[in-house]
Structure formats: structure tokens, C-alpha cells
């Protein structure tokens, strides 16, 4: 049975070759030397470089929508706290009974804004897609820099917009507003970036979420115990804390980006 099958297959192959004979190549060398072939080969093998603006525009579409939604929700909450219903004496009294103020409410939410940015940066490692992204057209290093730059610029713009709301609407000075808005973000980034560098997968996500929750609880507790008010009375303490945690966050971010470069080099050696 098998022998007849192979015989029929061989007969069919010979018949097809006889009926569909390929023509002999003509002017093959001239075609390979032509400018049309060379330009087509260069476009296929060496795609043209795109400007940074176009590259950033493409990366914006790959950032998940819930990152932008979280920023919009925090901004909407800040605007809501400036509206007249929240500025009445009864509303302010209710917040004071709960030992809460508008900047402190925001300080409890901002660590999760930093968590969303860090989670977006470590998404490739969390899903085990680093090696696949290393084989793509754009390097993992360039993609990380682009996405972190986009999200960081968006978060910085949001925080800068929120800063003037404290002195104008909530009755807090600029140093207290900076302590409640900038410090939670910088502290969360400085603490979660080492976890992203050293851990992978679900453990990293749980640890980063726990760190963000602890930072949020810390600022709520610090306001309830009056620690933030006493810190704001010391002129140089809050600027020094902002400088310290900002430097720590920048150094950890630099280590994380360098780790992506080392990862690219290791995969190049083992590829």
C-alpha cells in the first residue's frame, strides 16, 4: 500500500515537472546589478530611519489606556476638590473631622500614578517578552526610554498643574503642597524601581503595589499625626527631601535603563 502511494507521488511529481518547466534565467546578472534591484534590496534589508517625533507617536499607541485614565481621574479629583460644594464650611468641617485635607487626599492617590508608570515600563519583563522585543526593529532600550519619557512628561505636567491649586483653593502654602504632591511620586519611584530591576513576573507586581499602598498610608498617617505640618515649618526640610528622593529616583531609573542595555548585549552574545 505504501509502495503504491510513493509510486503515484513520484509519477505525479515527474508529470508536474514536465508540464510546468521553469524557463531558463535571462539577464540574471544584469538584473542583480540594476539600480532598481539594489534600491529594493536596501529598502527591505535596511529600512529607513524614522524621526524621533514619529517614533514617540507610535509608542503612545502602545501605552495602555488605563495609564492615561488614572491621570485623568486624579486631575478630575483635584478639580472636584476646588469646586464650591467642597469649599463650604460644612465640607471643610467634615474633612477636618476625618483628619483629611484636599492635598492629603491627593497624596494618597499619587503613589498609584507612579505605580502605573513603573508597571508600564516593566510590562515586557512581567510577561516574558524581552527577548521578542529585542528582535524587533526598535531596541528594547529605545522603547523603554520612549515610553518612560512619554509617561514621565505627562505625569510631570499633571503634577505641575496641581501645584498652584494648594495656595489658591485649599489654603496651604507651596511647601506643604509640594510635600503632598511631589514627595509621594518621587518616593514611590525610588522604592519601586529597584524591585522592577531585581524581580520578574507576579512577585514584582505584588511588591510594587504593596510599596505604593505603604507610601499612600504613610502620608495619610503623617498628616493625621501632624508630621507634615511640623515638617513644613522647617524651611529647608521639604526642599532637601525633594532633592534627595528626586536624585534617588533618577539614579534608580538610570540603573534600570542600563540594565536594559546589558540585557540587549547578553542576548546579542547568546543569539
Protein backbone atom coordinates (compact mmCIF):
# COMPACT_ATOMS: atom_id res chain seq x y z
CA UNK A 1 0.00 0.00 0.00
CA UNK A 2 2.77 2.42 0.96
CA UNK A 3 4.81 1.40 -2.09
CA UNK A 4 1.92 2.26 -4.43
CA UNK A 5 1.49 5.59 -2.67
CA UNK A 6 5.14 6.52 -3.20
CA UNK A 7 4.99 5.42 -6.82
CA UNK A 8 1.94 7.58 -7.50
CA UNK A 9 3.59 10.50 -5.75
CA UNK A 10 6.77 10.15 -7.81
CA UNK A 11 4.73 9.88 -11.02
CA UNK A 12 2.77 12.99 -10.14
CA UNK A 13 6.00 14.89 -9.39
CA UNK A 14 7.55 13.92 -12.75
CA UNK A 15 4.35 14.86 -14.60
CA UNK A 16 4.20 18.28 -12.95
CA UNK A 17 7.85 18.96 -13.70
CA UNK A 18 7.29 18.05 -17.35
CA UNK A 19 4.17 20.19 -17.71
CA UNK A 20 5.44 23.20 -15.75
CA UNK A 21 9.06 23.54 -16.71
CA UNK A 22 10.67 26.69 -15.39
CA UNK A 23 12.20 28.91 -18.07
CA UNK A 24 15.92 29.45 -18.18
CA UNK A 25 17.01 32.66 -16.45
CA UNK A 26 17.75 35.53 -18.78
CA UNK A 27 19.90 38.56 -17.93
CA UNK A 28 20.22 37.40 -14.36
CA UNK A 29 23.48 39.21 -13.63
CA UNK A 30 22.21 42.40 -15.27
CA UNK A 31 19.12 42.31 -13.06
CA UNK A 32 21.18 41.92 -9.89
CA UNK A 33 23.38 44.83 -10.91
CA UNK A 34 20.46 47.11 -11.77
CA UNK A 35 19.67 50.14 -9.62
CA UNK A 36 16.03 49.07 -9.18
CA UNK A 37 17.04 45.76 -7.58
CA UNK A 38 19.61 47.43 -5.34
CA UNK A 39 17.18 50.08 -4.10
CA UNK A 40 14.52 47.43 -3.41
CA UNK A 41 17.04 45.26 -1.55
CA UNK A 42 18.24 48.20 0.54
CA UNK A 43 14.67 49.11 1.49
CA UNK A 44 13.96 45.51 2.52
CA UNK A 45 17.21 44.90 4.40
CA UNK A 46 17.86 48.38 5.77
CA UNK A 47 14.57 50.18 6.47
CA UNK A 48 14.74 53.94 6.53
CA UNK A 49 15.20 55.68 9.87
CA UNK A 50 12.19 57.48 11.26
CA UNK A 51 12.42 60.76 13.19
CA UNK A 52 12.09 60.75 16.97
CA UNK A 53 8.76 62.56 16.80
CA UNK A 54 7.23 59.82 14.65
CA UNK A 55 8.76 57.12 16.88
CA UNK A 56 7.28 58.70 20.01
CA UNK A 57 3.93 59.00 18.29
CA UNK A 58 3.91 55.27 17.54
CA UNK A 59 4.85 54.42 21.13
CA UNK A 60 1.97 56.48 22.51
CA UNK A 61 -0.47 54.00 20.95
CA UNK A 62 1.21 51.07 22.77
CA UNK A 63 0.76 52.62 26.22
CA UNK A 64 -2.33 51.16 27.82
CA UNK A 65 -5.31 53.45 28.15
CA UNK A 66 -5.74 52.88 31.87
CA UNK A 67 -2.49 54.79 32.49
CA UNK A 68 -3.98 57.88 30.89
CA UNK A 69 -7.32 57.21 32.59
CA UNK A 70 -5.66 57.21 36.01
CA UNK A 71 -4.04 60.59 35.31
CA UNK A 72 -7.39 61.98 34.18
CA UNK A 73 -9.10 60.64 37.32
CA UNK A 74 -6.52 62.25 39.62
CA UNK A 75 -6.82 65.56 37.77
CA UNK A 76 -10.63 65.34 37.92
CA UNK A 77 -10.47 64.65 41.67
CA UNK A 78 -8.25 67.70 42.16
CA UNK A 79 -10.62 69.89 40.16
CA UNK A 80 -13.58 68.46 42.09
CA UNK A 81 -11.95 69.42 45.38
CA UNK A 82 -11.70 73.04 44.18
CA UNK A 83 -15.39 73.37 43.32
CA UNK A 84 -17.76 75.34 45.61
CA UNK A 85 -19.50 72.28 47.16
CA UNK A 86 -16.16 71.19 48.63
CA UNK A 87 -15.17 74.70 49.69
CA UNK A 88 -18.13 75.26 52.02
CA UNK A 89 -17.67 75.33 55.78
CA UNK A 90 -19.61 72.09 56.27
CA UNK A 91 -17.50 70.19 53.74
CA UNK A 92 -14.27 71.54 55.21
CA UNK A 93 -15.51 70.60 58.66
CA UNK A 94 -16.28 67.05 57.58
CA UNK A 95 -12.78 66.70 56.13
CA UNK A 96 -11.25 68.07 59.31
CA UNK A 97 -13.25 65.58 61.39
CA UNK A 98 -11.67 62.82 59.30
CA UNK A 99 -8.22 64.45 59.70
CA UNK A 100 -8.07 64.86 55.93
CA UNK A 101 -7.43 67.77 53.60
CA UNK A 102 -7.50 68.08 49.83
CA UNK A 103 -3.69 67.84 49.37
CA UNK A 104 -3.56 64.79 51.63
CA UNK A 105 -6.30 63.08 49.63
CA UNK A 106 -4.23 63.65 46.50
CA UNK A 107 -1.06 62.45 48.25
CA UNK A 108 -2.82 59.15 48.93
CA UNK A 109 -3.64 58.75 45.21
CA UNK A 110 -0.40 59.92 43.59
CA UNK A 111 1.69 56.83 44.56
CA UNK A 112 -0.57 54.75 42.33
CA UNK A 113 0.14 57.15 39.47
CA UNK A 114 3.84 56.36 39.89
CA UNK A 115 2.97 52.66 40.15
CA UNK A 116 1.19 52.81 36.80
CA UNK A 117 4.26 54.33 35.16
CA UNK A 118 6.63 51.74 36.64
CA UNK A 119 4.27 48.90 35.72
CA UNK A 120 4.16 50.11 32.12
CA UNK A 121 7.97 50.21 32.00
CA UNK A 122 8.28 46.65 33.32
CA UNK A 123 5.49 45.15 31.23
CA UNK A 124 7.89 43.36 28.84
CA UNK A 125 9.74 41.67 31.70
CA UNK A 126 6.49 40.84 33.52
CA UNK A 127 5.09 38.93 30.54
CA UNK A 128 8.44 37.44 29.45
CA UNK A 129 8.52 39.38 26.16
CA UNK A 130 12.00 40.92 26.46
CA UNK A 131 13.69 38.51 24.05
CA UNK A 132 10.93 39.00 21.48
CA UNK A 133 11.18 42.79 21.70
CA UNK A 134 14.95 42.57 21.31
CA UNK A 135 14.43 41.02 17.88
CA UNK A 136 12.10 43.81 16.75
CA UNK A 137 13.08 46.79 14.63
CA UNK A 138 13.46 49.14 17.59
CA UNK A 139 15.66 48.13 20.51
CA UNK A 140 14.24 47.50 23.95
CA UNK A 141 16.40 50.33 25.26
CA UNK A 142 14.84 52.82 22.83
CA UNK A 143 11.31 51.60 23.59
CA UNK A 144 11.84 51.90 27.36
CA UNK A 145 13.28 55.40 27.04
CA UNK A 146 10.41 56.48 24.80
CA UNK A 147 7.62 55.11 26.99
CA UNK A 148 9.16 56.32 30.24
CA UNK A 149 9.75 59.72 28.66
CA UNK A 150 6.14 59.98 27.48
CA UNK A 151 4.63 58.87 30.79
CA UNK A 152 7.11 60.89 32.84
CA UNK A 153 6.40 64.05 30.85
CA UNK A 154 2.66 63.50 31.23
CA UNK A 155 2.94 62.92 34.98
CA UNK A 156 5.24 65.90 35.42
CA UNK A 157 2.79 68.11 33.56
CA UNK A 158 -0.04 66.85 35.78
CA UNK A 159 1.90 67.47 38.99
CA UNK A 160 2.97 70.95 37.87
CA UNK A 161 -0.66 71.80 37.10
CA UNK A 162 -1.75 70.56 40.54
CA UNK A 163 0.88 72.57 42.44
CA UNK A 164 -0.80 76.03 42.22
CA UNK A 165 -4.14 74.64 43.40
CA UNK A 166 -2.96 74.40 47.02
CA UNK A 167 -2.23 78.08 47.71
CA UNK A 168 -5.22 79.31 45.71
CA UNK A 169 -8.02 76.92 46.72
CA UNK A 170 -7.00 74.76 49.68
CA UNK A 171 -5.34 77.31 51.94
CA UNK A 172 -1.98 75.51 52.11
CA UNK A 173 1.39 77.04 51.38
CA UNK A 174 3.56 75.96 48.46
CA UNK A 175 5.92 73.82 50.54
CA UNK A 176 3.04 71.82 52.03
CA UNK A 177 1.52 71.33 48.59
CA UNK A 178 4.89 70.15 47.23
CA UNK A 179 5.24 67.72 50.12
CA UNK A 180 1.81 66.25 49.41
CA UNK A 181 2.12 66.09 45.61
CA UNK A 182 5.77 65.65 44.61
CA UNK A 183 7.14 63.63 47.53
CA UNK A 184 4.74 60.64 47.16
CA UNK A 185 5.56 60.36 43.45
CA UNK A 186 9.34 60.56 43.89
CA UNK A 187 9.36 58.26 46.92
CA UNK A 188 7.29 55.61 45.12
CA UNK A 189 9.57 55.73 42.06
CA UNK A 190 12.71 55.47 44.20
CA UNK A 191 11.37 52.41 46.05
CA UNK A 192 9.69 50.51 43.20
CA UNK A 193 12.40 50.81 40.53
CA UNK A 194 14.85 48.53 42.44
CA UNK A 195 12.09 45.93 42.71
CA UNK A 196 11.47 46.11 38.96
CA UNK A 197 15.20 45.64 38.30
CA UNK A 198 15.60 42.61 40.55
CA UNK A 199 12.28 40.79 40.32
CA UNK A 200 10.13 39.47 37.47
CA UNK A 201 6.56 38.44 36.97
CA UNK A 202 3.78 38.44 39.53
CA UNK A 203 6.09 38.86 42.53
CA UNK A 204 7.30 42.19 41.17
CA UNK A 205 3.74 43.42 40.60
CA UNK A 206 2.63 42.47 44.12
CA UNK A 207 5.70 44.05 45.73
CA UNK A 208 5.34 47.31 43.78
CA UNK A 209 1.63 47.50 44.62
CA UNK A 210 2.45 46.92 48.29
CA UNK A 211 5.09 49.67 48.25
CA UNK A 212 2.63 52.11 46.69
CA UNK A 213 0.00 51.24 49.30
CA UNK A 214 2.52 51.75 52.11
CA UNK A 215 3.57 55.15 50.74
CA UNK A 216 -0.08 56.16 50.49
CA UNK A 217 -0.76 55.02 54.06
CA UNK A 218 2.39 56.78 55.28
CA UNK A 219 1.26 60.17 54.00
CA UNK A 220 -2.22 59.70 55.45
CA UNK A 221 -0.68 58.82 58.81
CA UNK A 222 1.85 61.65 58.60
CA UNK A 223 -0.93 64.16 58.11
CA UNK A 224 -3.08 62.68 60.87
CA UNK A 225 -0.20 62.86 63.37
CA UNK A 226 0.77 66.38 62.32
CA UNK A 227 4.17 65.30 60.99
CA UNK A 228 3.68 67.07 57.65
CA UNK A 229 2.73 70.34 59.36
CA UNK A 230 5.83 70.22 61.57
CA UNK A 231 7.99 69.36 58.55
CA UNK A 232 6.56 72.29 56.59
CA UNK A 233 7.57 74.64 59.42
CA UNK A 234 11.25 73.76 58.81
CA UNK A 235 12.18 75.80 55.72
CA UNK A 236 14.92 73.58 54.30
CA UNK A 237 13.48 70.16 55.13
CA UNK A 238 10.98 69.73 52.29
CA UNK A 239 13.34 71.04 49.55
CA UNK A 240 16.07 68.73 50.89
CA UNK A 241 13.67 65.77 50.87
CA UNK A 242 12.57 66.59 47.31
CA UNK A 243 16.20 66.80 46.20
CA UNK A 244 17.14 63.55 47.95
CA UNK A 245 14.26 61.42 46.68
CA UNK A 246 14.42 63.03 43.23
CA UNK A 247 18.11 62.15 42.95
CA UNK A 248 17.43 58.62 44.20
CA UNK A 249 14.65 58.15 41.63
CA UNK A 250 16.87 59.42 38.79
CA UNK A 251 19.74 57.12 39.82
CA UNK A 252 17.44 54.09 40.02
CA UNK A 253 15.95 54.97 36.64
CA UNK A 254 19.45 55.19 35.18
CA UNK A 255 20.30 51.75 36.58
CA UNK A 256 17.10 50.32 35.10
CA UNK A 257 17.86 51.72 31.64
CA UNK A 258 21.44 50.46 31.85
CA UNK A 259 20.12 47.02 32.76
CA UNK A 260 18.12 47.01 29.52
CA UNK A 261 21.33 47.80 27.61
CA UNK A 262 23.14 44.91 29.32
CA UNK A 263 20.21 42.64 28.51
CA UNK A 264 20.48 43.59 24.84
CA UNK A 265 24.22 42.84 24.90
CA UNK A 266 23.70 39.45 26.57
CA UNK A 267 21.06 38.38 24.06
CA UNK A 268 23.36 39.51 21.23
CA UNK A 269 26.14 37.28 22.54
CA UNK A 270 23.90 34.25 23.01
CA UNK A 271 21.83 34.71 19.85
